[in-house]
PDB file of N, CA and C in Angstrom:
ATOM      1  N   UNK A   1      28.272   1.168  15.410  1.00  0.00           N
ATOM      2  CA  UNK A   1      27.000   1.197  14.694  1.00  0.00           C
ATOM      3  C   UNK A   1      26.008   2.051  15.471  1.00  0.00           C
ATOM      4  N   UNK A   2      25.308   2.958  14.773  1.00  0.00           N
ATOM      5  CA  UNK A   2      24.338   3.837  15.421  1.00  0.00           C
ATOM      6  C   UNK A   2      23.067   3.081  15.758  1.00  0.00           C
ATOM      7  N   UNK A   3      22.487   3.421  16.887  1.00  0.00           N
ATOM      8  CA  UNK A   3      21.191   2.866  17.273  1.00  0.00           C
ATOM      9  C   UNK A   3      20.096   3.683  16.603  1.00  0.00           C
ATOM     10  N   UNK A   4      19.055   3.026  16.093  1.00  0.00           N
ATOM     11  CA  UNK A   4      17.930   3.756  15.526  1.00  0.00           C
ATOM     12  C   UNK A   4      17.034   4.249  16.649  1.00  0.00           C
ATOM     13  N   UNK A   5      16.376   5.353  16.404  1.00  0.00           N
ATOM     14  CA  UNK A   5      15.460   5.925  17.389  1.00  0.00           C
ATOM     15  C   UNK A   5      14.036   5.710  16.915  1.00  0.00           C
ATOM     16  N   UNK A   6      13.182   5.317  17.821  1.00  0.00           N
ATOM     17  CA  UNK A   6      11.766   5.178  17.518  1.00  0.00           C
ATOM     18  C   UNK A   6      11.055   6.414  18.029  1.00  0.00           C
ATOM     19  N   UNK A   7      10.284   7.065  17.168  1.00  0.00           N
ATOM     20  CA  UNK A   7       9.571   8.288  17.512  1.00  0.00           C
ATOM     21  C   UNK A   7       8.118   7.922  17.778  1.00  0.00           C
ATOM     22  N   UNK A   8       7.619   8.228  18.956  1.00  0.00           N
ATOM     23  CA  UNK A   8       6.248   7.879  19.331  1.00  0.00           C
ATOM     24  C   UNK A   8       5.356   9.114  19.249  1.00  0.00           C
ATOM     25  N   UNK A   9       4.135   8.928  18.759  1.00  0.00           N
ATOM     26  CA  UNK A   9       3.145  10.000  18.701  1.00  0.00           C
ATOM     27  C   UNK A   9       1.785   9.352  18.929  1.00  0.00           C
ATOM     28  N   UNK A  10       1.276   9.414  20.146  1.00  0.00           N
ATOM     29  CA  UNK A  10       0.013   8.746  20.454  1.00  0.00           C
ATOM     30  C   UNK A  10       0.183   7.249  20.328  1.00  0.00           C
ATOM     31  N   UNK A  11      -0.624   6.611  19.473  1.00  0.00           N
ATOM     32  CA  UNK A  11      -0.540   5.168  19.266  1.00  0.00           C
ATOM     33  C   UNK A  11       0.376   4.791  18.104  1.00  0.00           C
ATOM     34  N   UNK A  12       0.917   5.790  17.405  1.00  0.00           N
ATOM     35  CA  UNK A  12       1.744   5.516  16.232  1.00  0.00           C
ATOM     36  C   UNK A  12       3.218   5.586  16.591  1.00  0.00           C
ATOM     37  N   UNK A  13       4.010   4.839  15.869  1.00  0.00           N
ATOM     38  CA  UNK A  13       5.458   4.930  16.039  1.00  0.00           C
ATOM     39  C   UNK A  13       6.123   4.880  14.674  1.00  0.00           C
ATOM     40  N   UNK A  14       7.227   5.578  14.558  1.00  0.00           N
ATOM     41  CA  UNK A  14       7.990   5.606  13.321  1.00  0.00           C
ATOM     42  C   UNK A  14       9.399   5.149  13.649  1.00  0.00           C
ATOM     43  N   UNK A  15       9.841   4.124  12.978  1.00  0.00           N
ATOM     44  CA  UNK A  15      11.192   3.624  13.171  1.00  0.00           C
ATOM     45  C   UNK A  15      11.951   3.857  11.873  1.00  0.00           C
ATOM     46  N   UNK A  16      12.937   4.751  11.882  1.00  0.00           N
ATOM     47  CA  UNK A  16      13.629   5.089  10.630  1.00  0.00           C
ATOM     48  C   UNK A  16      14.397   3.927  10.009  1.00  0.00           C
ATOM     49  N   UNK A  17      14.561   2.827  10.725  1.00  0.00           N
ATOM     50  CA  UNK A  17      15.301   1.689  10.190  1.00  0.00           C
ATOM     51  C   UNK A  17      14.381   0.637   9.558  1.00  0.00           C
ATOM     52  N   UNK A  18      13.073   0.861   9.555  1.00  0.00           N
ATOM     53  CA  UNK A  18      12.147  -0.107   8.960  1.00  0.00           C
ATOM     54  C   UNK A  18      12.214  -0.027   7.435  1.00  0.00           C
ATOM     55  N   UNK A  19      11.892  -1.135   6.803  1.00  0.00           N
ATOM     56  CA  UNK A  19      11.919  -1.235   5.350  1.00  0.00           C
ATOM     57  C   UNK A  19      10.692  -0.559   4.735  1.00  0.00           C
ATOM     58  N   UNK A  20      10.895   0.118   3.617  1.00  0.00           N
ATOM     59  CA  UNK A  20       9.824   0.763   2.865  1.00  0.00           C
ATOM     60  C   UNK A  20       9.769   0.119   1.483  1.00  0.00           C
ATOM     61  N   UNK A  21       8.558  -0.219   1.034  1.00  0.00           N
ATOM     62  CA  UNK A  21       8.363  -0.777  -0.301  1.00  0.00           C
ATOM     63  C   UNK A  21       7.520   0.194  -1.107  1.00  0.00           C
ATOM     64  N   UNK A  22       7.968   0.532  -2.304  1.00  0.00           N
ATOM     65  CA  UNK A  22       7.249   1.457  -3.179  1.00  0.00           C
ATOM     66  C   UNK A  22       6.896   0.714  -4.462  1.00  0.00           C
ATOM     67  N   UNK A  23       5.637   0.842  -4.904  1.00  0.00           N
ATOM     68  CA  UNK A  23       5.195   0.244  -6.168  1.00  0.00           C
ATOM     69  C   UNK A  23       4.879   1.392  -7.121  1.00  0.00           C
ATOM     70  N   UNK A  24       5.629   1.473  -8.209  1.00  0.00           N
ATOM     71  CA  UNK A  24       5.431   2.514  -9.216  1.00  0.00           C
ATOM     72  C   UNK A  24       5.112   1.867 -10.553  1.00  0.00           C
ATOM     73  N   UNK A  25       4.332   2.565 -11.360  1.00  0.00           N
ATOM     74  CA  UNK A  25       4.019   2.063 -12.688  1.00  0.00           C
ATOM     75  C   UNK A  25       4.719   2.879 -13.756  1.00  0.00           C
ATOM     76  N   UNK A  26       5.079   2.223 -14.834  1.00  0.00           N
ATOM     77  CA  UNK A  26       5.755   2.899 -15.937  1.00  0.00           C
ATOM     78  C   UNK A  26       4.822   3.109 -17.128  1.00  0.00           C
ATOM     79  N   UNK A  27       3.570   2.694 -17.000  1.00  0.00           N
ATOM     80  CA  UNK A  27       2.625   2.803 -18.104  1.00  0.00           C
ATOM     81  C   UNK A  27       1.398   3.579 -17.640  1.00  0.00           C
ATOM     82  N   UNK A  28       0.644   4.052 -18.595  1.00  0.00           N
ATOM     83  CA  UNK A  28      -0.648   4.660 -18.286  1.00  0.00           C
ATOM     84  C   UNK A  28      -1.674   3.539 -18.244  1.00  0.00           C
ATOM     85  N   UNK A  29      -2.582   3.584 -17.286  1.00  0.00           N
ATOM     86  CA  UNK A  29      -3.650   2.591 -17.245  1.00  0.00           C
ATOM     87  C   UNK A  29      -3.381   1.456 -16.289  1.00  0.00           C
ATOM     88  N   UNK A  30      -4.140   0.391 -16.488  1.00  0.00           N
ATOM     89  CA  UNK A  30      -4.112  -0.752 -15.581  1.00  0.00           C
ATOM     90  C   UNK A  30      -2.990  -1.703 -15.970  1.00  0.00           C
ATOM     91  N   UNK A  31      -2.001  -1.837 -15.106  1.00  0.00           N
ATOM     92  CA  UNK A  31      -0.867  -2.723 -15.381  1.00  0.00           C
ATOM     93  C   UNK A  31      -0.629  -3.720 -14.261  1.00  0.00           C
ATOM     94  N   UNK A  32      -1.590  -3.873 -13.359  1.00  0.00           N
ATOM     95  CA  UNK A  32      -1.480  -4.884 -12.317  1.00  0.00           C
ATOM     96  C   UNK A  32      -0.867  -4.414 -11.007  1.00  0.00           C
ATOM     97  N   UNK A  33      -0.673  -3.099 -10.849  1.00  0.00           N
ATOM     98  CA  UNK A  33      -0.085  -2.592  -9.598  1.00  0.00           C
ATOM     99  C   UNK A  33      -0.960  -2.915  -8.398  1.00  0.00           C
ATOM    100  N   UNK A  34      -2.265  -2.857  -8.558  1.00  0.00           N
ATOM    101  CA  UNK A  34      -3.177  -3.112  -7.442  1.00  0.00           C
ATOM    102  C   UNK A  34      -3.029  -4.507  -6.875  1.00  0.00           C
ATOM    103  N   UNK A  35      -2.863  -5.494  -7.747  1.00  0.00           N
ATOM    104  CA  UNK A  35      -2.692  -6.874  -7.274  1.00  0.00           C
ATOM    105  C   UNK A  35      -1.383  -7.032  -6.510  1.00  0.00           C
ATOM    106  N   UNK A  36      -0.337  -6.367  -6.975  1.00  0.00           N
ATOM    107  CA  UNK A  36       0.952  -6.422  -6.277  1.00  0.00           C
ATOM    108  C   UNK A  36       0.831  -5.753  -4.911  1.00  0.00           C
ATOM    109  N   UNK A  37       0.167  -4.599  -4.865  1.00  0.00           N
ATOM    110  CA  UNK A  37      -0.013  -3.894  -3.589  1.00  0.00           C
ATOM    111  C   UNK A  37      -0.849  -4.736  -2.629  1.00  0.00           C
ATOM    112  N   UNK A  38      -1.905  -5.387  -3.122  1.00  0.00           N
ATOM    113  CA  UNK A  38      -2.718  -6.265  -2.265  1.00  0.00           C
ATOM    114  C   UNK A  38      -1.863  -7.351  -1.628  1.00  0.00           C
ATOM    115  N   UNK A  39      -0.966  -7.943  -2.407  1.00  0.00           N
ATOM    116  CA  UNK A  39      -0.103  -8.999  -1.896  1.00  0.00           C
ATOM    117  C   UNK A  39       0.868  -8.446  -0.843  1.00  0.00           C
ATOM    118  N   UNK A  40       1.493  -7.317  -1.141  1.00  0.00           N
ATOM    119  CA  UNK A  40       2.463  -6.728  -0.218  1.00  0.00           C
ATOM    120  C   UNK A  40       1.802  -6.175   1.041  1.00  0.00           C
ATOM    121  N   UNK A  41       0.564  -5.697   0.923  1.00  0.00           N
ATOM    122  CA  UNK A  41      -0.124  -5.059   2.052  1.00  0.00           C
ATOM    123  C   UNK A  41      -0.409  -6.027   3.189  1.00  0.00           C
ATOM    124  N   UNK A  42      -0.470  -7.316   2.897  1.00  0.00           N
ATOM    125  CA  UNK A  42      -0.737  -8.280   3.969  1.00  0.00           C
ATOM    126  C   UNK A  42       0.392  -8.324   4.991  1.00  0.00           C
ATOM    127  N   UNK A  43       1.569  -7.828   4.619  1.00  0.00           N
ATOM    128  CA  UNK A  43       2.727  -7.826   5.517  1.00  0.00           C
ATOM    129  C   UNK A  43       3.098  -6.424   5.989  1.00  0.00           C
ATOM    130  N   UNK A  44       2.287  -5.426   5.669  1.00  0.00           N
ATOM    131  CA  UNK A  44       2.635  -4.033   5.969  1.00  0.00           C
ATOM    132  C   UNK A  44       1.923  -3.526   7.215  1.00  0.00           C
ATOM    133  N   UNK A  45       2.586  -2.616   7.920  1.00  0.00           N
ATOM    134  CA  UNK A  45       1.963  -1.925   9.044  1.00  0.00           C
ATOM    135  C   UNK A  45       1.139  -0.741   8.555  1.00  0.00           C
ATOM    136  N   UNK A  46       1.516  -0.165   7.419  1.00  0.00           N
ATOM    137  CA  UNK A  46       0.873   1.030   6.890  1.00  0.00           C
ATOM    138  C   UNK A  46       0.918   0.976   5.370  1.00  0.00           C
ATOM    139  N   UNK A  47      -0.198   1.344   4.716  1.00  0.00           N
ATOM    140  CA  UNK A  47      -0.254   1.405   3.259  1.00  0.00           C
ATOM    141  C   UNK A  47      -0.766   2.784   2.876  1.00  0.00           C
ATOM    142  N   UNK A  48      -0.028   3.489   2.019  1.00  0.00           N
ATOM    143  CA  UNK A  48      -0.429   4.816   1.530  1.00  0.00           C
ATOM    144  C   UNK A  48      -0.570   4.739   0.018  1.00  0.00           C
ATOM    145  N   UNK A  49      -1.520   5.502  -0.518  1.00  0.00           N
ATOM    146  CA  UNK A  49      -1.744   5.481  -1.955  1.00  0.00           C
ATOM    147  C   UNK A  49      -2.077   6.876  -2.442  1.00  0.00           C
ATOM    148  N   UNK A  50      -1.567   7.220  -3.614  1.00  0.00           N
ATOM    149  CA  UNK A  50      -1.985   8.458  -4.275  1.00  0.00           C
ATOM    150  C   UNK A  50      -2.162   8.147  -5.751  1.00  0.00           C
ATOM    151  N   UNK A  51      -3.011   8.918  -6.388  1.00  0.00           N
ATOM    152  CA  UNK A  51      -3.216   8.727  -7.821  1.00  0.00           C
ATOM    153  C   UNK A  51      -3.477  10.077  -8.447  1.00  0.00           C
ATOM    154  N   UNK A  52      -3.191  10.163  -9.716  1.00  0.00           N
ATOM    155  CA  UNK A  52      -3.307  11.435 -10.398  1.00  0.00           C
ATOM    156  C   UNK A  52      -4.546  11.593 -11.249  1.00  0.00           C
ATOM    157  N   UNK A  53      -5.373  10.569 -11.352  1.00  0.00           N
ATOM    158  CA  UNK A  53      -6.538  10.707 -12.210  1.00  0.00           C
ATOM    159  C   UNK A  53      -7.490   9.543 -12.080  1.00  0.00           C
ATOM    160  N   UNK A  54      -8.375   9.417 -13.067  1.00  0.00           N
ATOM    161  CA  UNK A  54      -9.351   8.333 -13.058  1.00  0.00           C
ATOM    162  C   UNK A  54      -8.648   6.985 -13.091  1.00  0.00           C
ATOM    163  N   UNK A  55      -9.320   5.993 -12.528  1.00  0.00           N
ATOM    164  CA  UNK A  55      -8.736   4.668 -12.433  1.00  0.00           C
ATOM    165  C   UNK A  55      -9.655   3.652 -13.097  1.00  0.00           C
ATOM    166  N   UNK A  56      -9.115   2.498 -13.429  1.00  0.00           N
ATOM    167  CA  UNK A  56      -9.909   1.414 -14.009  1.00  0.00           C
ATOM    168  C   UNK A  56     -10.827   0.831 -12.942  1.00  0.00           C
ATOM    169  N   UNK A  57     -11.898   0.173 -13.358  1.00  0.00           N
ATOM    170  CA  UNK A  57     -12.782  -0.498 -12.411  1.00  0.00           C
ATOM    171  C   UNK A  57     -12.093  -1.695 -11.781  1.00  0.00           C
ATOM    172  N   UNK A  58     -12.408  -1.968 -10.538  1.00  0.00           N
ATOM    173  CA  UNK A  58     -11.793  -3.080  -9.825  1.00  0.00           C
ATOM    174  C   UNK A  58     -12.852  -3.835  -9.031  1.00  0.00           C
ATOM    175  N   UNK A  59     -12.594  -5.099  -8.787  1.00  0.00           N
ATOM    176  CA  UNK A  59     -13.435  -5.915  -7.924  1.00  0.00           C
ATOM    177  C   UNK A  59     -12.585  -6.407  -6.766  1.00  0.00           C
ATOM    178  N   UNK A  60     -13.076  -6.196  -5.542  1.00  0.00           N
ATOM    179  CA  UNK A  60     -12.379  -6.628  -4.335  1.00  0.00           C
ATOM    180  C   UNK A  60     -13.198  -7.740  -3.703  1.00  0.00           C
ATOM    181  N   UNK A  61     -12.543  -8.821  -3.291  1.00  0.00           N
ATOM    182  CA  UNK A  61     -13.215  -9.939  -2.645  1.00  0.00           C
ATOM    183  C   UNK A  61     -12.751 -10.008  -1.198  1.00  0.00           C
ATOM    184  N   UNK A  62     -13.722  -9.906  -0.259  1.00  0.00           N
ATOM    185  CA  UNK A  62     -13.434  -9.986   1.173  1.00  0.00           C
ATOM    186  C   UNK A  62     -14.337 -11.056   1.767  1.00  0.00           C
ATOM    187  N   UNK A  63     -13.733 -12.074   2.361  1.00  0.00           N
ATOM    188  CA  UNK A  63     -14.503 -13.169   2.956  1.00  0.00           C
ATOM    189  C   UNK A  63     -15.549 -13.719   1.990  1.00  0.00           C
ATOM    190  N   UNK A  64     -15.143 -13.961   0.759  1.00  0.00           N
ATOM    191  CA  UNK A  64     -15.977 -14.529  -0.304  1.00  0.00           C
ATOM    192  C   UNK A  64     -17.118 -13.616  -0.753  1.00  0.00           C
ATOM    193  N   UNK A  65     -17.119 -12.349  -0.344  1.00  0.00           N
ATOM    194  CA  UNK A  65     -18.117 -11.385  -0.811  1.00  0.00           C
ATOM    195  C   UNK A  65     -17.425 -10.419  -1.767  1.00  0.00           C
ATOM    196  N   UNK A  66     -18.026 -10.198  -2.956  1.00  0.00           N
ATOM    197  CA  UNK A  66     -17.428  -9.341  -3.974  1.00  0.00           C
ATOM    198  C   UNK A  66     -17.964  -7.918  -3.881  1.00  0.00           C
ATOM    199  N   UNK A  67     -17.052  -6.948  -4.037  1.00  0.00           N
ATOM    200  CA  UNK A  67     -17.394  -5.533  -4.092  1.00  0.00           C
ATOM    201  C   UNK A  67     -16.832  -4.989  -5.400  1.00  0.00           C
ATOM    202  N   UNK A  68     -17.710  -4.490  -6.296  1.00  0.00           N
ATOM    203  CA  UNK A  68     -17.278  -3.965  -7.590  1.00  0.00           C
ATOM    204  C   UNK A  68     -17.156  -2.449  -7.515  1.00  0.00           C
ATOM    205  N   UNK A  69     -15.979  -1.938  -7.863  1.00  0.00           N
ATOM    206  CA  UNK A  69     -15.728  -0.496  -7.906  1.00  0.00           C
ATOM    207  C   UNK A  69     -15.516  -0.111  -9.358  1.00  0.00           C
ATOM    208  N   UNK A  70     -16.363   0.777  -9.865  1.00  0.00           N
ATOM    209  CA  UNK A  70     -16.241   1.194 -11.263  1.00  0.00           C
ATOM    210  C   UNK A  70     -15.962   2.658 -11.371  1.00  0.00           C
TER     211      UNK A  70
END
């Protein structure tokens, strides 16, 4: 069995054997991907996001304080 190599760059490290989770949508518009990503992000070392256009408004709650993004 091959040993995985960890690549270090400053304070970051990349381990090619770590698990990657991808959330993709099959519909146009708001289908709940953000809530799934919020749940998965609590266990992630890194979260990346890209989008191709305008997004629906969202409300984020942090320490019982609400932030509305429209």
